């Protein structure tokens, strides 16, 4: 009888430890998923290629500034937006030469991304 009780106690302790390990593993995976999700910020630049000198930047996050740079890093234009709900903005390039440009987009989350833009 004592052996059965001892065996039952050992099995119960192992089950509790295994359940705790599974919970901790699930919790750490959940935290990692949140961190990865929090890092993913994207925007769409359209139309690309630009034909008439105007293009739009659209995102799910508030856009605070859009900067257009040439491929050697010289600033062509920079527009800043004070409103935190700007999720789609229009940028007018004016008369830019044909070629490849970089669009640097800053968000209210203090994240910045760079997209390529072709001007025809």
N, C-alpha and C. Protein backbone atom coordinates (compact mmCIF):
# COMPACT_ATOMS: atom_id res chain seq x y z
N UNK A 1 0.83 -1.19 0.00
CA UNK A 1 0.00 0.00 0.00
C UNK A 1 0.87 1.26 0.00
N UNK A 2 1.96 1.23 0.80
CA UNK A 2 2.85 2.39 0.86
C UNK A 2 3.53 2.61 -0.49
N UNK A 3 3.87 1.52 -1.19
CA UNK A 3 4.50 1.65 -2.51
C UNK A 3 3.55 2.29 -3.52
N UNK A 4 2.29 1.92 -3.46
CA UNK A 4 1.29 2.48 -4.38
C UNK A 4 1.13 3.98 -4.11
N UNK A 5 1.04 4.37 -2.85
CA UNK A 5 0.92 5.78 -2.50
C UNK A 5 2.16 6.56 -2.93
N UNK A 6 3.34 5.98 -2.71
CA UNK A 6 4.57 6.64 -3.11
C UNK A 6 4.65 6.79 -4.62
N UNK A 7 4.27 5.75 -5.34
CA UNK A 7 4.26 5.80 -6.81
C UNK A 7 3.26 6.83 -7.31
N UNK A 8 2.08 6.89 -6.70
CA UNK A 8 1.06 7.87 -7.08
C UNK A 8 1.57 9.29 -6.83
N UNK A 9 2.24 9.49 -5.72
CA UNK A 9 2.79 10.80 -5.38
C UNK A 9 3.86 11.22 -6.39
N UNK A 10 4.74 10.31 -6.76
CA UNK A 10 5.80 10.61 -7.74
C UNK A 10 5.20 10.95 -9.10
N UNK A 11 4.21 10.17 -9.54
CA UNK A 11 3.56 10.43 -10.83
C UNK A 11 2.87 11.79 -10.80
N UNK A 12 2.20 12.13 -9.72
CA UNK A 12 1.50 13.42 -9.60
C UNK A 12 2.48 14.58 -9.68
N UNK A 13 3.62 14.44 -8.98
CA UNK A 13 4.62 15.51 -8.99
C UNK A 13 5.18 15.68 -10.41
N UNK A 14 5.47 14.59 -11.09
CA UNK A 14 5.98 14.67 -12.47
C UNK A 14 4.98 15.34 -13.40
N UNK A 15 3.69 15.04 -13.21
CA UNK A 15 2.66 15.66 -14.06
C UNK A 15 2.59 17.16 -13.82
N UNK A 16 2.69 17.58 -12.56
CA UNK A 16 2.65 19.00 -12.23
C UNK A 16 3.87 19.71 -12.83
N UNK A 17 5.04 19.12 -12.70
CA UNK A 17 6.26 19.71 -13.25
C UNK A 17 6.17 19.80 -14.77
N UNK A 18 5.68 18.76 -15.42
CA UNK A 18 5.55 18.77 -16.89
C UNK A 18 4.55 19.84 -17.32
N UNK A 19 3.46 19.98 -16.60
CA UNK A 19 2.47 21.00 -16.95
C UNK A 19 3.06 22.39 -16.77
N UNK A 20 3.82 22.61 -15.70
CA UNK A 20 4.46 23.91 -15.47
C UNK A 20 5.46 24.22 -16.57
N UNK A 21 6.27 23.24 -16.98
CA UNK A 21 7.22 23.43 -18.07
C UNK A 21 6.52 23.79 -19.37
N UNK A 22 5.42 23.11 -19.64
CA UNK A 22 4.66 23.39 -20.87
C UNK A 22 4.10 24.80 -20.83
N UNK A 23 3.62 25.23 -19.67
CA UNK A 23 3.07 26.59 -19.54
C UNK A 23 4.16 27.63 -19.75
N UNK A 24 5.34 27.42 -19.14
CA UNK A 24 6.44 28.37 -19.29
C UNK A 24 6.92 28.44 -20.73
N UNK A 25 6.99 27.29 -21.41
CA UNK A 25 7.39 27.28 -22.81
C UNK A 25 6.37 28.04 -23.66
N UNK A 26 5.10 27.81 -23.42
CA UNK A 26 4.04 28.51 -24.17
C UNK A 26 4.10 30.00 -23.91
N UNK A 27 4.34 30.39 -22.65
CA UNK A 27 4.41 31.81 -22.31
C UNK A 27 5.60 32.48 -23.00
N UNK A 28 6.74 31.83 -23.02
CA UNK A 28 7.90 32.44 -23.66
C UNK A 28 7.71 32.52 -25.16
N UNK A 29 7.07 31.54 -25.77
CA UNK A 29 6.79 31.61 -27.20
C UNK A 29 5.82 32.75 -27.49
N UNK A 30 4.84 32.92 -26.63
CA UNK A 30 3.87 34.00 -26.82
C UNK A 30 4.58 35.35 -26.75
N UNK A 31 5.50 35.51 -25.83
CA UNK A 31 6.24 36.76 -25.70
C UNK A 31 7.09 37.01 -26.95
N UNK A 32 7.74 35.98 -27.45
CA UNK A 32 8.55 36.13 -28.64
C UNK A 32 7.68 36.53 -29.83
N UNK A 33 6.51 35.93 -29.95
CA UNK A 33 5.61 36.28 -31.05
C UNK A 33 5.20 37.74 -30.95
N UNK A 34 4.93 38.25 -29.75
CA UNK A 34 4.56 39.65 -29.59
C UNK A 34 5.69 40.58 -29.99
N UNK A 35 6.90 40.24 -29.63
CA UNK A 35 8.05 41.07 -29.98
C UNK A 35 8.22 41.11 -31.49
N UNK A 36 8.13 39.97 -32.13
CA UNK A 36 8.27 39.92 -33.59
C UNK A 36 7.15 40.71 -34.25
N UNK A 37 5.93 40.55 -33.77
CA UNK A 37 4.79 41.26 -34.35
C UNK A 37 4.97 42.77 -34.17
N UNK A 38 5.47 43.18 -33.03
CA UNK A 38 5.63 44.59 -32.74
C UNK A 38 6.66 45.23 -33.68
N UNK A 39 7.61 44.48 -34.18
CA UNK A 39 8.65 45.00 -35.05
C UNK A 39 8.20 45.16 -36.50
N UNK A 40 7.13 44.50 -36.88
CA UNK A 40 6.72 44.49 -38.29
C UNK A 40 5.87 45.72 -38.58
N UNK A 41 6.48 46.69 -39.24
CA UNK A 41 5.78 47.89 -39.68
C UNK A 41 6.10 48.05 -41.16
N UNK A 42 5.07 48.27 -41.95
CA UNK A 42 5.29 48.36 -43.39
C UNK A 42 4.43 49.46 -43.96
N UNK A 43 4.74 49.84 -45.16
CA UNK A 43 3.99 50.85 -45.89
C UNK A 43 3.99 50.48 -47.37
N UNK A 44 3.04 51.04 -48.09
CA UNK A 44 2.94 50.83 -49.53
C UNK A 44 3.18 52.17 -50.21
N UNK A 45 4.06 52.17 -51.20
CA UNK A 45 4.34 53.36 -52.00
C UNK A 45 3.78 53.09 -53.39
N UNK A 46 2.84 53.94 -53.83
CA UNK A 46 2.19 53.72 -55.13
C UNK A 46 1.84 55.04 -55.77
N UNK A 47 1.70 55.15 -57.06
CA UNK A 47 2.08 54.16 -58.06
C UNK A 47 3.60 54.10 -58.15
N UNK A 48 4.06 52.96 -58.45
CA UNK A 48 5.50 52.74 -58.59
C UNK A 48 5.72 51.92 -59.83
N UNK A 49 6.17 52.45 -60.93
CA UNK A 49 6.91 53.70 -61.10
C UNK A 49 6.00 54.93 -61.15
N UNK A 50 6.57 56.07 -60.75
CA UNK A 50 5.87 57.36 -60.77
C UNK A 50 6.01 57.94 -62.16
N UNK A 51 4.90 58.40 -62.72
CA UNK A 51 4.93 58.96 -64.06
C UNK A 51 4.66 60.47 -64.04
N UNK A 52 3.72 60.92 -63.22
CA UNK A 52 3.32 62.33 -63.23
C UNK A 52 3.91 63.16 -62.10
N UNK A 53 4.88 62.63 -61.35
CA UNK A 53 5.52 63.39 -60.28
C UNK A 53 4.83 63.31 -58.94
N UNK A 54 3.73 62.57 -58.85
CA UNK A 54 2.99 62.41 -57.58
C UNK A 54 2.95 60.94 -57.20
N UNK A 55 3.09 60.69 -55.90
CA UNK A 55 2.90 59.33 -55.42
C UNK A 55 2.30 59.37 -54.02
N UNK A 56 1.80 58.24 -53.57
CA UNK A 56 1.17 58.12 -52.26
C UNK A 56 1.94 57.14 -51.39
N UNK A 57 1.89 57.39 -50.10
CA UNK A 57 2.43 56.46 -49.11
C UNK A 57 1.28 56.11 -48.18
N UNK A 58 1.05 54.82 -48.00
CA UNK A 58 -0.07 54.36 -47.19
C UNK A 58 0.42 53.32 -46.19
N UNK A 59 -0.09 53.38 -44.96
CA UNK A 59 0.31 52.44 -43.91
C UNK A 59 -0.81 52.29 -42.89
N UNK A 60 -0.74 51.23 -42.11
CA UNK A 60 -1.68 51.04 -41.01
C UNK A 60 -1.29 51.89 -39.81
N UNK A 61 -0.06 52.39 -39.78
CA UNK A 61 0.45 53.19 -38.68
C UNK A 61 0.53 54.65 -39.09
N UNK A 62 0.46 55.55 -38.13
CA UNK A 62 0.55 56.97 -38.42
C UNK A 62 1.91 57.35 -38.97
N UNK A 63 1.90 58.11 -40.06
CA UNK A 63 3.13 58.53 -40.72
C UNK A 63 3.49 59.93 -40.22
N UNK A 64 4.72 60.12 -39.75
CA UNK A 64 5.15 61.43 -39.26
C UNK A 64 6.00 62.19 -40.27
N UNK A 65 6.72 61.46 -41.14
CA UNK A 65 7.48 62.16 -42.18
C UNK A 65 7.79 61.22 -43.33
N UNK A 66 7.96 61.83 -44.51
CA UNK A 66 8.36 61.11 -45.71
C UNK A 66 9.49 61.91 -46.34
N UNK A 67 10.58 61.22 -46.62
CA UNK A 67 11.75 61.86 -47.19
C UNK A 67 12.14 61.10 -48.45
N UNK A 68 12.40 61.82 -49.53
CA UNK A 68 12.83 61.20 -50.78
C UNK A 68 14.31 61.53 -50.98
N UNK A 69 15.09 60.47 -51.17
CA UNK A 69 16.54 60.61 -51.34
C UNK A 69 16.96 60.02 -52.68
N UNK A 70 18.00 60.58 -53.28
CA UNK A 70 18.54 59.92 -54.46
C UNK A 70 19.43 58.77 -54.00
N UNK A 71 19.96 58.00 -54.92
CA UNK A 71 20.70 56.79 -54.54
C UNK A 71 22.03 57.07 -53.86
N UNK A 72 22.51 58.31 -53.90
CA UNK A 72 23.74 58.63 -53.17
C UNK A 72 23.43 59.32 -51.83
N UNK A 73 22.16 59.39 -51.48
CA UNK A 73 21.76 59.87 -50.16
C UNK A 73 21.43 61.34 -50.05
N UNK A 74 21.41 62.06 -51.17
CA UNK A 74 21.04 63.48 -51.13
C UNK A 74 19.53 63.62 -51.02
N UNK A 75 19.11 64.51 -50.13
CA UNK A 75 17.67 64.73 -49.93
C UNK A 75 17.08 65.52 -51.10
N UNK A 76 16.02 64.98 -51.67
CA UNK A 76 15.29 65.65 -52.76
C UNK A 76 14.14 66.45 -52.18
N UNK A 77 13.40 65.83 -51.27
CA UNK A 77 12.24 66.47 -50.64
C UNK A 77 11.99 65.81 -49.30
N UNK A 78 11.48 66.60 -48.36
CA UNK A 78 11.07 66.04 -47.06
C UNK A 78 9.77 66.71 -46.65
N UNK A 79 8.80 65.88 -46.29
CA UNK A 79 7.50 66.37 -45.81
C UNK A 79 7.29 65.81 -44.42
N UNK A 80 6.91 66.68 -43.48
CA UNK A 80 6.61 66.25 -42.13
C UNK A 80 5.12 66.44 -41.88
N UNK A 81 4.57 65.54 -41.06
CA UNK A 81 3.16 65.55 -40.76
C UNK A 81 2.99 65.56 -39.25
N UNK A 82 2.22 66.53 -38.74
CA UNK A 82 2.02 66.67 -37.31
C UNK A 82 0.89 65.80 -36.78
N UNK A 83 -0.06 65.51 -37.63
CA UNK A 83 -1.21 64.72 -37.17
C UNK A 83 -0.82 63.26 -36.99
N UNK A 84 -1.26 62.67 -35.90
CA UNK A 84 -0.91 61.28 -35.62
C UNK A 84 -1.79 60.30 -36.37
N UNK A 85 -2.80 60.78 -37.05
CA UNK A 85 -3.68 59.86 -37.77
C UNK A 85 -3.45 59.87 -39.27
N UNK A 86 -2.32 60.40 -39.72
CA UNK A 86 -2.00 60.40 -41.15
C UNK A 86 -1.55 59.00 -41.55
N UNK A 87 -2.42 58.28 -42.22
CA UNK A 87 -2.09 56.93 -42.65
C UNK A 87 -1.95 56.83 -44.16
N UNK A 88 -2.29 57.91 -44.84
CA UNK A 88 -2.06 57.97 -46.28
C UNK A 88 -1.73 59.41 -46.63
N UNK A 89 -0.59 59.60 -47.29
CA UNK A 89 -0.15 60.94 -47.65
C UNK A 89 0.24 60.96 -49.12
N UNK A 90 0.11 62.16 -49.72
CA UNK A 90 0.50 62.35 -51.11
C UNK A 90 1.77 63.20 -51.14
N UNK A 91 2.72 62.78 -51.95
CA UNK A 91 3.98 63.51 -52.10
C UNK A 91 4.10 63.95 -53.56
N UNK A 92 4.42 65.24 -53.77
CA UNK A 92 4.65 65.75 -55.11
C UNK A 92 6.15 65.97 -55.28
N UNK A 93 6.71 65.31 -56.25
CA UNK A 93 8.15 65.43 -56.53
C UNK A 93 8.48 66.63 -57.38
N UNK A 94 7.53 67.12 -58.13
CA UNK A 94 7.83 68.20 -59.06
C UNK A 94 8.58 67.64 -60.25
N UNK A 95 9.65 68.32 -60.63
CA UNK A 95 10.43 67.86 -61.78
C UNK A 95 11.67 67.13 -61.28
N UNK A 96 11.58 65.84 -61.23
CA UNK A 96 12.72 65.00 -60.85
C UNK A 96 13.21 64.27 -62.08
N UNK A 97 14.49 64.02 -62.11
CA UNK A 97 15.04 63.23 -63.21
C UNK A 97 14.56 61.79 -63.10
N UNK A 98 14.53 61.12 -64.22
CA UNK A 98 14.20 59.70 -64.21
C UNK A 98 15.26 58.94 -63.44
N UNK A 99 14.83 57.91 -62.76
CA UNK A 99 15.80 57.09 -62.04
C UNK A 99 15.22 56.47 -60.79
N UNK A 100 16.12 55.89 -60.01
CA UNK A 100 15.75 55.20 -58.78
C UNK A 100 15.96 56.13 -57.60
N UNK A 101 14.96 56.18 -56.71
CA UNK A 101 15.02 56.99 -55.51
C UNK A 101 14.68 56.12 -54.30
N UNK A 102 15.03 56.62 -53.13
CA UNK A 102 14.70 55.94 -51.88
C UNK A 102 13.69 56.80 -51.12
N UNK A 103 12.67 56.15 -50.57
CA UNK A 103 11.65 56.85 -49.80
C UNK A 103 11.80 56.40 -48.34
N UNK A 104 12.17 57.34 -47.49
CA UNK A 104 12.37 57.06 -46.07
C UNK A 104 11.11 57.51 -45.33
N UNK A 105 10.44 56.54 -44.68
CA UNK A 105 9.15 56.79 -44.04
C UNK A 105 9.31 56.61 -42.53
N UNK A 106 8.94 57.64 -41.76
CA UNK A 106 9.01 57.58 -40.30
C UNK A 106 7.59 57.51 -39.74
N UNK A 107 7.42 56.74 -38.68
CA UNK A 107 6.11 56.48 -38.09
C UNK A 107 6.03 57.01 -36.66
N UNK A 108 4.83 57.09 -36.13
CA UNK A 108 4.63 57.57 -34.76
C UNK A 108 5.23 56.61 -33.74
N UNK A 109 5.54 55.39 -34.15
CA UNK A 109 6.14 54.41 -33.25
C UNK A 109 7.65 54.56 -33.18
N UNK A 110 8.19 55.63 -33.77
CA UNK A 110 9.63 55.89 -33.84
C UNK A 110 10.37 54.87 -34.69
N UNK A 111 9.69 54.16 -35.53
CA UNK A 111 10.31 53.23 -36.49
C UNK A 111 10.44 53.95 -37.83
N UNK A 112 11.44 53.53 -38.58
CA UNK A 112 11.67 54.10 -39.91
C UNK A 112 11.93 52.96 -40.89
N UNK A 113 11.34 53.07 -42.07
CA UNK A 113 11.61 52.08 -43.13
C UNK A 113 12.01 52.83 -44.39
N UNK A 114 12.63 52.11 -45.31
CA UNK A 114 13.04 52.68 -46.59
C UNK A 114 12.48 51.82 -47.71
N UNK A 115 11.84 52.47 -48.68
CA UNK A 115 11.28 51.80 -49.85
C UNK A 115 11.95 52.36 -51.11
N UNK A 116 11.98 51.56 -52.15
CA UNK A 116 12.52 52.00 -53.44
C UNK A 116 11.39 52.62 -54.27
N UNK A 117 11.73 53.63 -55.05
CA UNK A 117 10.76 54.31 -55.90
C UNK A 117 11.43 54.59 -57.25
N UNK A 118 10.76 54.21 -58.31
CA UNK A 118 11.26 54.45 -59.66
C UNK A 118 10.49 55.60 -60.28
N UNK A 119 11.19 56.58 -60.81
CA UNK A 119 10.57 57.72 -61.46
C UNK A 119 10.84 57.61 -62.95
N UNK A 120 9.77 57.67 -63.75
CA UNK A 120 9.90 57.62 -65.22
C UNK A 120 9.60 58.96 -65.83
